[in-house]
């Protein structure tokens, strides 16, 4: 991040002209923000950006996450809204085209039309969900860079955040696919083992004992793998520009002896964002249902319901995706500060200390 290593002292004029006669620096004024830096994030030496350069508590993490979103709205909320809007537009356009086609087709029976409509809508929704998932992968990678820049007081535009991911995009996709494969293999192994247990006896006692004993163990194992192996892998890969397996290794190293702290913040964030997503989407679902009752045409009613749900998804994604990614990236920086004295390097990047 050349150009972000230093900020000028009070009274500095880039043109080289001396200050006017009688000028005195204000004892309370901080350093003026150079181009590309966010004035509202520049602060004292221990907090040149969105976060204090010391080990972070829960309040520090959440405060910094909101500050990052506030001072980088295009690179955080804007990128999430763009991805969600494009992903939701595909099933909407497919449903609209199908509704028009079915209405124009007089030869198609009602049962055939319903079957075709259901399959097409399901395929369109699946395609939109996949596109949104892939798009949010890149949003998470961008926000990792936005967070690292915000830690030293620098603001990234949407274009700068996207450019910062150059060289790591395919690795990010590979990491995400590897993590998904790990979860699928573990889930498939549990399902196969459960089927074998159920099929091996005609009694319900053995399956009941199996699920009572293994369900808590499975949940505990999933939580452990989530935090120790996958939770910090994306920001580690993006900020340090590591390989895929090295990113997983960094996640393991950073969360060693820090499981409960990391797990507590991650779980609380998951609960908060899930509740917020429901609060944001429920009004749109109610609106879509009401419009569906008012409109007589079933196809149009279904289209209005999908439109309302799509708007709710976009609105909830605009909050959930940036906040979750920012909290994860802040926890990554926090663990590096705790384990590797990364705050010293951040102070150097912010121009507080000499390199």
Protein backbone atom coordinates (compact mmCIF):
# COMPACT_ATOMS: atom_id res chain seq x y z
CA UNK A 1 0.00 0.00 0.00
CA UNK A 2 2.47 2.59 -1.19
CA UNK A 3 1.36 6.11 -0.43
CA UNK A 4 -0.35 5.00 2.77
CA UNK A 5 2.80 4.74 4.87
CA UNK A 6 2.89 8.37 6.04
CA UNK A 7 0.65 11.36 6.65
CA UNK A 8 1.84 14.97 6.78
CA UNK A 9 2.29 16.90 10.03
CA UNK A 10 -0.03 19.78 10.95
CA UNK A 11 0.52 22.79 8.73
CA UNK A 12 2.19 20.86 5.93
CA UNK A 13 1.45 22.23 2.47
CA UNK A 14 2.07 19.79 -0.42
CA UNK A 15 3.03 22.73 -2.64
CA UNK A 16 5.99 23.55 -0.40
CA UNK A 17 4.79 27.06 0.49
CA UNK A 18 5.38 28.12 4.12
CA UNK A 19 2.35 28.73 6.37
CA UNK A 20 0.92 32.27 6.41
CA UNK A 21 2.26 34.80 8.95
CA UNK A 22 0.79 34.35 12.39
CA UNK A 23 -0.27 30.76 11.76
CA UNK A 24 -0.14 28.49 14.79
CA UNK A 25 -1.06 24.80 14.91
CA UNK A 26 -4.09 23.97 17.01
CA UNK A 27 -3.11 21.89 20.05
CA UNK A 28 -6.24 19.77 19.67
CA UNK A 29 -6.24 19.34 15.92
CA UNK A 30 -5.09 16.03 14.52
CA UNK A 31 -3.14 15.59 11.31
CA UNK A 32 -4.99 16.60 8.15
CA UNK A 33 -6.14 13.69 6.05
CA UNK A 34 -4.14 13.25 2.83
CA UNK A 35 -5.88 12.14 -0.38
CA UNK A 36 -7.36 8.66 -0.01
CA UNK A 37 -7.57 8.84 3.77
CA UNK A 38 -10.74 9.18 5.81
CA UNK A 39 -10.70 12.32 8.03
CA UNK A 40 -13.24 10.83 10.42
CA UNK A 41 -11.02 7.81 11.11
CA UNK A 42 -7.76 9.63 11.82
CA UNK A 43 -7.20 9.93 15.54
CA UNK A 44 -4.58 9.60 18.23
CA UNK A 45 -1.35 7.66 17.82
CA UNK A 46 -2.84 4.50 19.33
CA UNK A 47 -5.89 4.78 17.05
CA UNK A 48 -4.94 6.23 13.66
CA UNK A 49 -7.88 4.54 11.98
CA UNK A 50 -11.07 2.64 12.69
CA UNK A 51 -9.63 0.50 15.47
CA UNK A 52 -7.23 1.04 18.38
CA UNK A 53 -3.86 -0.57 17.72
CA UNK A 54 -3.97 -2.89 20.73
CA UNK A 55 -5.76 -6.14 21.59
CA UNK A 56 -9.46 -5.66 20.88
CA UNK A 57 -12.45 -6.37 23.08
CA UNK A 58 -15.98 -7.06 21.87
CA UNK A 59 -16.94 -3.39 22.01
CA UNK A 60 -13.82 -2.41 20.06
CA UNK A 61 -14.59 -4.97 17.35
CA UNK A 62 -18.21 -3.91 16.87
CA UNK A 63 -17.42 -0.19 17.04
CA UNK A 64 -14.68 -0.60 14.44
CA UNK A 65 -16.94 -2.69 12.18
CA UNK A 66 -19.59 0.04 12.11
CA UNK A 67 -16.93 2.72 11.55
CA UNK A 68 -15.48 0.76 8.63
CA UNK A 69 -18.91 0.45 7.01
CA UNK A 70 -19.67 4.13 7.66
CA UNK A 71 -16.45 5.45 6.15
CA UNK A 72 -16.26 2.92 3.29
CA UNK A 73 -19.91 2.62 2.22
CA UNK A 74 -19.24 1.96 -1.46
CA UNK A 75 -16.64 -0.73 -0.88
CA UNK A 76 -18.73 -2.48 1.81
CA UNK A 77 -22.47 -1.88 1.50
CA UNK A 78 -22.22 -0.94 -2.17
CA UNK A 79 -20.43 -4.13 -3.17
CA UNK A 80 -22.85 -6.31 -1.18
CA UNK A 81 -25.91 -4.58 -2.66
CA UNK A 82 -24.49 -4.89 -6.18
CA UNK A 83 -23.92 -8.62 -5.80
CA UNK A 84 -27.31 -9.29 -4.20
CA UNK A 85 -29.17 -7.15 -6.75
CA UNK A 86 -27.61 -8.93 -9.73
CA UNK A 87 -28.18 -12.35 -8.16
CA UNK A 88 -31.83 -11.61 -7.36
CA UNK A 89 -32.50 -10.04 -10.76
CA UNK A 90 -31.94 -13.38 -12.53
CA UNK A 91 -34.82 -15.35 -10.93
CA UNK A 92 -37.05 -12.28 -11.22
CA UNK A 93 -36.41 -11.87 -14.95
CA UNK A 94 -36.79 -15.62 -15.54
CA UNK A 95 -40.09 -15.68 -13.64
CA UNK A 96 -41.38 -12.61 -15.49
CA UNK A 97 -40.48 -14.14 -18.86
CA UNK A 98 -42.10 -17.44 -17.88
CA UNK A 99 -45.28 -15.70 -16.71
CA UNK A 100 -45.56 -13.88 -20.01
CA UNK A 101 -44.87 -17.05 -22.01
CA UNK A 102 -47.42 -19.12 -20.10
CA UNK A 103 -50.04 -16.40 -20.48
CA UNK A 104 -49.49 -16.33 -24.24
CA UNK A 105 -49.58 -20.11 -24.62
CA UNK A 106 -53.14 -21.29 -25.08
CA UNK A 107 -52.16 -24.88 -25.88
CA UNK A 108 -50.47 -25.57 -22.55
CA UNK A 109 -52.65 -27.25 -19.96
CA UNK A 110 -52.94 -25.82 -16.46
CA UNK A 111 -51.06 -28.75 -14.86
CA UNK A 112 -48.25 -28.52 -17.43
CA UNK A 113 -48.00 -24.78 -16.95
CA UNK A 114 -47.76 -25.19 -13.18
CA UNK A 115 -45.07 -27.87 -13.52
CA UNK A 116 -43.02 -25.83 -16.00
CA UNK A 117 -43.42 -22.72 -13.89
CA UNK A 118 -42.33 -24.46 -10.71
CA UNK A 119 -39.26 -26.06 -12.30
CA UNK A 120 -38.20 -22.84 -14.00
CA UNK A 121 -38.65 -20.78 -10.85
CA UNK A 122 -36.69 -23.37 -8.84
CA UNK A 123 -33.85 -23.38 -11.39
CA UNK A 124 -33.78 -19.59 -11.48
CA UNK A 125 -33.71 -19.33 -7.69
CA UNK A 126 -30.91 -21.89 -7.51
CA UNK A 127 -28.89 -20.00 -10.11
CA UNK A 128 -29.41 -16.74 -8.26
CA UNK A 129 -28.35 -18.32 -4.95
CA UNK A 130 -25.15 -19.72 -6.48
CA UNK A 131 -24.29 -16.37 -8.07
CA UNK A 132 -24.94 -14.55 -4.81
CA UNK A 133 -22.76 -17.02 -2.92
CA UNK A 134 -19.89 -16.62 -5.38
CA UNK A 135 -20.27 -12.84 -5.42
CA UNK A 136 -20.25 -12.59 -1.63
CA UNK A 137 -16.99 -14.57 -1.60
CA UNK A 138 -15.34 -11.69 -3.43
CA UNK A 139 -17.14 -9.15 -1.24
CA UNK A 140 -15.62 -10.83 1.81
CA UNK A 141 -12.17 -10.69 0.23
CA UNK A 142 -12.59 -7.01 -0.63
CA UNK A 143 -13.73 -6.15 2.88
CA UNK A 144 -10.63 -7.87 4.30
CA UNK A 145 -8.53 -5.31 2.40
CA UNK A 146 -10.89 -2.48 3.37
CA UNK A 147 -10.51 -3.43 7.04
CA UNK A 148 -6.71 -3.63 6.84
CA UNK A 149 -6.62 -0.18 5.23
CA UNK A 150 -9.12 1.29 7.70
CA UNK A 151 -6.93 0.12 10.59
CA UNK A 152 -4.37 2.77 9.58
CA UNK A 153 -6.93 5.40 8.61
CA UNK A 154 -7.09 4.85 4.87
CA UNK A 155 -10.35 4.71 2.93
CA UNK A 156 -10.68 2.43 -0.10
CA UNK A 157 -13.10 3.03 -2.92
CA UNK A 158 -14.98 0.17 -4.54
CA UNK A 159 -12.51 0.12 -7.42
CA UNK A 160 -9.49 0.15 -5.10
CA UNK A 161 -10.91 -2.65 -2.98
CA UNK A 162 -11.56 -4.75 -6.09
CA UNK A 163 -8.07 -4.03 -7.44
CA UNK A 164 -6.55 -5.11 -4.11
CA UNK A 165 -7.92 -8.64 -4.66
CA UNK A 166 -6.01 -9.02 -7.94
CA UNK A 167 -3.81 -12.10 -7.83
CA UNK A 168 -5.84 -13.75 -5.06
CA UNK A 169 -9.26 -14.15 -6.63
CA UNK A 170 -8.87 -17.69 -7.89
CA UNK A 171 -7.16 -18.68 -4.64
CA UNK A 172 -10.14 -17.24 -2.78
CA UNK A 173 -12.52 -19.31 -4.89
CA UNK A 174 -10.34 -22.38 -4.37
CA UNK A 175 -10.28 -21.83 -0.60
CA UNK A 176 -14.05 -21.49 -0.50
CA UNK A 177 -14.55 -24.66 -2.55
CA UNK A 178 -12.10 -26.55 -0.33
CA UNK A 179 -13.93 -25.44 2.80
CA UNK A 180 -17.26 -26.43 1.26
CA UNK A 181 -15.79 -29.82 0.30
CA UNK A 182 -14.59 -30.41 3.86
CA UNK A 183 -18.07 -29.73 5.24
CA UNK A 184 -19.76 -31.89 2.59
CA UNK A 185 -17.43 -34.84 3.24
CA UNK A 186 -18.01 -34.66 7.00
CA UNK A 187 -21.77 -34.35 6.54
CA UNK A 188 -21.86 -37.22 4.05
CA UNK A 189 -19.82 -39.43 6.40
CA UNK A 190 -22.25 -38.75 9.25
CA UNK A 191 -25.29 -39.41 7.06
CA UNK A 192 -23.83 -42.69 5.77
CA UNK A 193 -22.96 -43.82 9.30
CA UNK A 194 -26.46 -42.93 10.49
CA UNK A 195 -28.06 -44.88 7.64
CA UNK A 196 -25.92 -47.91 8.46
CA UNK A 197 -26.94 -47.74 12.13
CA UNK A 198 -30.63 -47.42 11.25
CA UNK A 199 -30.55 -50.25 8.68
CA UNK A 200 -28.60 -52.62 10.95
CA UNK A 201 -31.43 -53.05 13.46
CA UNK A 202 -35.18 -53.24 13.50
CA UNK A 203 -35.38 -51.59 16.90
CA UNK A 204 -35.50 -47.88 17.50
CA UNK A 205 -33.27 -48.07 20.60
CA UNK A 206 -29.90 -48.23 18.84
CA UNK A 207 -30.64 -45.33 16.42
CA UNK A 208 -31.95 -43.25 19.33
CA UNK A 209 -28.79 -43.89 21.34
CA UNK A 210 -26.67 -43.16 18.25
CA UNK A 211 -28.25 -39.76 17.65
CA UNK A 212 -28.31 -38.80 21.34
CA UNK A 213 -24.59 -39.54 21.65
CA UNK A 214 -23.31 -38.31 18.30
CA UNK A 215 -25.41 -35.16 17.74
CA UNK A 216 -23.73 -33.13 20.53
CA UNK A 217 -20.32 -34.44 19.47
CA UNK A 218 -21.04 -33.48 15.86
CA UNK A 219 -22.12 -29.98 16.82
CA UNK A 220 -19.02 -29.52 18.99
CA UNK A 221 -16.77 -30.80 16.20
CA UNK A 222 -18.42 -28.50 13.66
CA UNK A 223 -17.93 -25.48 15.95
CA UNK A 224 -14.30 -26.42 16.56
CA UNK A 225 -13.55 -26.81 12.83
CA UNK A 226 -15.42 -23.60 12.00
CA UNK A 227 -13.27 -21.51 14.32
CA UNK A 228 -9.92 -23.33 14.23
CA UNK A 229 -9.76 -24.15 10.52
CA UNK A 230 -12.02 -21.95 8.41
CA UNK A 231 -13.06 -18.78 10.27
CA UNK A 232 -9.95 -16.65 9.74
CA UNK A 233 -8.73 -18.33 6.56
CA UNK A 234 -10.18 -15.79 4.12
CA UNK A 235 -8.68 -12.61 5.65
CA UNK A 236 -5.37 -14.45 6.15
CA UNK A 237 -5.29 -15.45 2.48
CA UNK A 238 -6.26 -12.00 1.23
CA UNK A 239 -4.14 -9.76 3.47
CA UNK A 240 -1.04 -11.97 3.51
CA UNK A 241 -1.56 -13.22 -0.07
CA UNK A 242 -0.87 -16.81 0.89
CA UNK A 243 -1.72 -20.03 -0.90
CA UNK A 244 -4.93 -21.91 -0.15
CA UNK A 245 -3.48 -24.47 2.27
CA UNK A 246 -1.26 -21.83 3.84
CA UNK A 247 -4.37 -19.75 4.52
CA UNK A 248 -5.90 -22.64 6.42
CA UNK A 249 -2.63 -23.10 8.28
CA UNK A 250 -2.57 -19.44 9.27
CA UNK A 251 -6.14 -19.75 10.56
CA UNK A 252 -5.10 -22.67 12.75
CA UNK A 253 -2.04 -20.82 14.05
CA UNK A 254 -3.90 -17.59 14.85
CA UNK A 255 -6.71 -19.31 16.75
CA UNK A 256 -4.42 -21.55 18.82
CA UNK A 257 -5.25 -20.99 22.53
CA UNK A 258 -7.75 -18.33 21.43
CA UNK A 259 -10.71 -20.57 20.63
CA UNK A 260 -13.24 -19.36 23.18
CA UNK A 261 -12.63 -15.65 22.59
CA UNK A 262 -12.91 -16.08 18.83
CA UNK A 263 -15.87 -18.44 19.09
CA UNK A 264 -17.80 -16.15 21.45
CA UNK A 265 -17.55 -13.09 19.18
CA UNK A 266 -18.23 -15.15 16.05
CA UNK A 267 -21.30 -16.84 17.57
CA UNK A 268 -22.69 -13.56 18.91
CA UNK A 269 -22.20 -11.96 15.50
CA UNK A 270 -24.00 -14.87 13.85
CA UNK A 271 -26.96 -14.50 16.23
CA UNK A 272 -27.11 -10.70 15.84
CA UNK A 273 -26.98 -10.79 12.04
CA UNK A 274 -29.51 -13.63 11.85
CA UNK A 275 -32.00 -11.70 13.97
CA UNK A 276 -31.34 -8.50 12.03
CA UNK A 277 -31.83 -10.32 8.72
CA UNK A 278 -35.19 -11.63 9.88
CA UNK A 279 -36.28 -8.20 11.09
CA UNK A 280 -35.30 -6.66 7.74
CA UNK A 281 -36.85 -9.32 5.50
CA UNK A 282 -40.14 -10.03 7.32
CA UNK A 283 -41.82 -6.72 6.30
CA UNK A 284 -41.04 -7.42 2.65
CA UNK A 285 -42.46 -10.93 2.96
CA UNK A 286 -45.66 -9.56 4.49
CA UNK A 287 -45.90 -6.95 1.74
CA UNK A 288 -45.48 -9.61 -0.95
CA UNK A 289 -48.17 -11.80 0.62
CA UNK A 290 -50.60 -8.89 0.83
CA UNK A 291 -50.00 -7.95 -2.81
CA UNK A 292 -50.47 -11.58 -3.79
CA UNK A 293 -53.89 -11.62 -2.15
CA UNK A 294 -54.95 -8.42 -3.88
CA UNK A 295 -53.96 -9.53 -7.40
CA UNK A 296 -56.22 -12.08 -9.09
CA UNK A 297 -53.68 -13.44 -11.58
CA UNK A 298 -51.67 -16.24 -9.92
CA UNK A 299 -48.61 -15.68 -12.08
CA UNK A 300 -48.48 -11.97 -11.35
CA UNK A 301 -49.08 -12.62 -7.65
CA UNK A 302 -46.15 -15.04 -7.56
CA UNK A 303 -43.97 -12.52 -9.38
CA UNK A 304 -44.85 -9.79 -6.87
CA UNK A 305 -44.06 -12.16 -4.01
CA UNK A 306 -40.66 -12.94 -5.52
CA UNK A 307 -40.00 -9.23 -6.07
CA UNK A 308 -40.76 -8.44 -2.44
CA UNK A 309 -38.58 -11.29 -1.20
CA UNK A 310 -35.76 -10.21 -3.51
CA UNK A 311 -35.89 -6.67 -2.14
CA UNK A 312 -35.80 -8.05 1.39
CA UNK A 313 -32.76 -10.18 0.50
CA UNK A 314 -30.93 -7.19 -0.95
CA UNK A 315 -31.68 -5.05 2.11
CA UNK A 316 -30.61 -7.74 4.59
CA UNK A 317 -27.47 -8.54 2.59
CA UNK A 318 -26.52 -4.86 2.64
CA UNK A 319 -26.17 -5.12 6.43
CA UNK A 320 -25.30 -8.75 7.13
CA UNK A 321 -22.51 -9.33 4.59
CA UNK A 322 -20.39 -6.21 5.29
CA UNK A 323 -20.80 -6.41 9.06
CA UNK A 324 -19.96 -10.12 9.25
CA UNK A 325 -16.94 -9.77 6.96
CA UNK A 326 -15.69 -6.71 8.86
CA UNK A 327 -15.97 -8.47 12.23
CA UNK A 328 -14.11 -11.52 10.90
CA UNK A 329 -11.34 -9.35 9.44
CA UNK A 330 -11.05 -7.38 12.68
CA UNK A 331 -10.70 -10.61 14.65
CA UNK A 332 -7.93 -11.62 12.25
CA UNK A 333 -6.09 -8.35 12.93
CA UNK A 334 -6.73 -8.74 16.66
CA UNK A 335 -5.16 -12.19 16.73
CA UNK A 336 -2.11 -10.96 14.82
CA UNK A 337 -1.75 -8.09 17.31
CA UNK A 338 -1.98 -10.50 20.23
CA UNK A 339 0.38 -13.13 18.82
CA UNK A 340 2.71 -11.28 16.45
CA UNK A 341 2.82 -7.64 17.68
CA UNK A 342 1.18 -6.64 14.40
CA UNK A 343 0.23 -3.30 15.94
CA UNK A 344 3.87 -2.21 15.57
CA UNK A 345 3.73 -2.85 11.82
CA UNK A 346 0.40 -1.05 11.55
CA UNK A 347 1.85 1.97 13.36
CA UNK A 348 4.69 2.02 10.85
CA UNK A 349 2.24 1.85 7.95
CA UNK A 350 0.26 4.70 9.50
CA UNK A 351 3.40 6.84 9.76
CA UNK A 352 3.33 6.94 13.56
CA UNK A 353 6.68 5.19 13.95
CA UNK A 354 9.71 5.12 11.69
CA UNK A 355 10.22 1.99 9.58
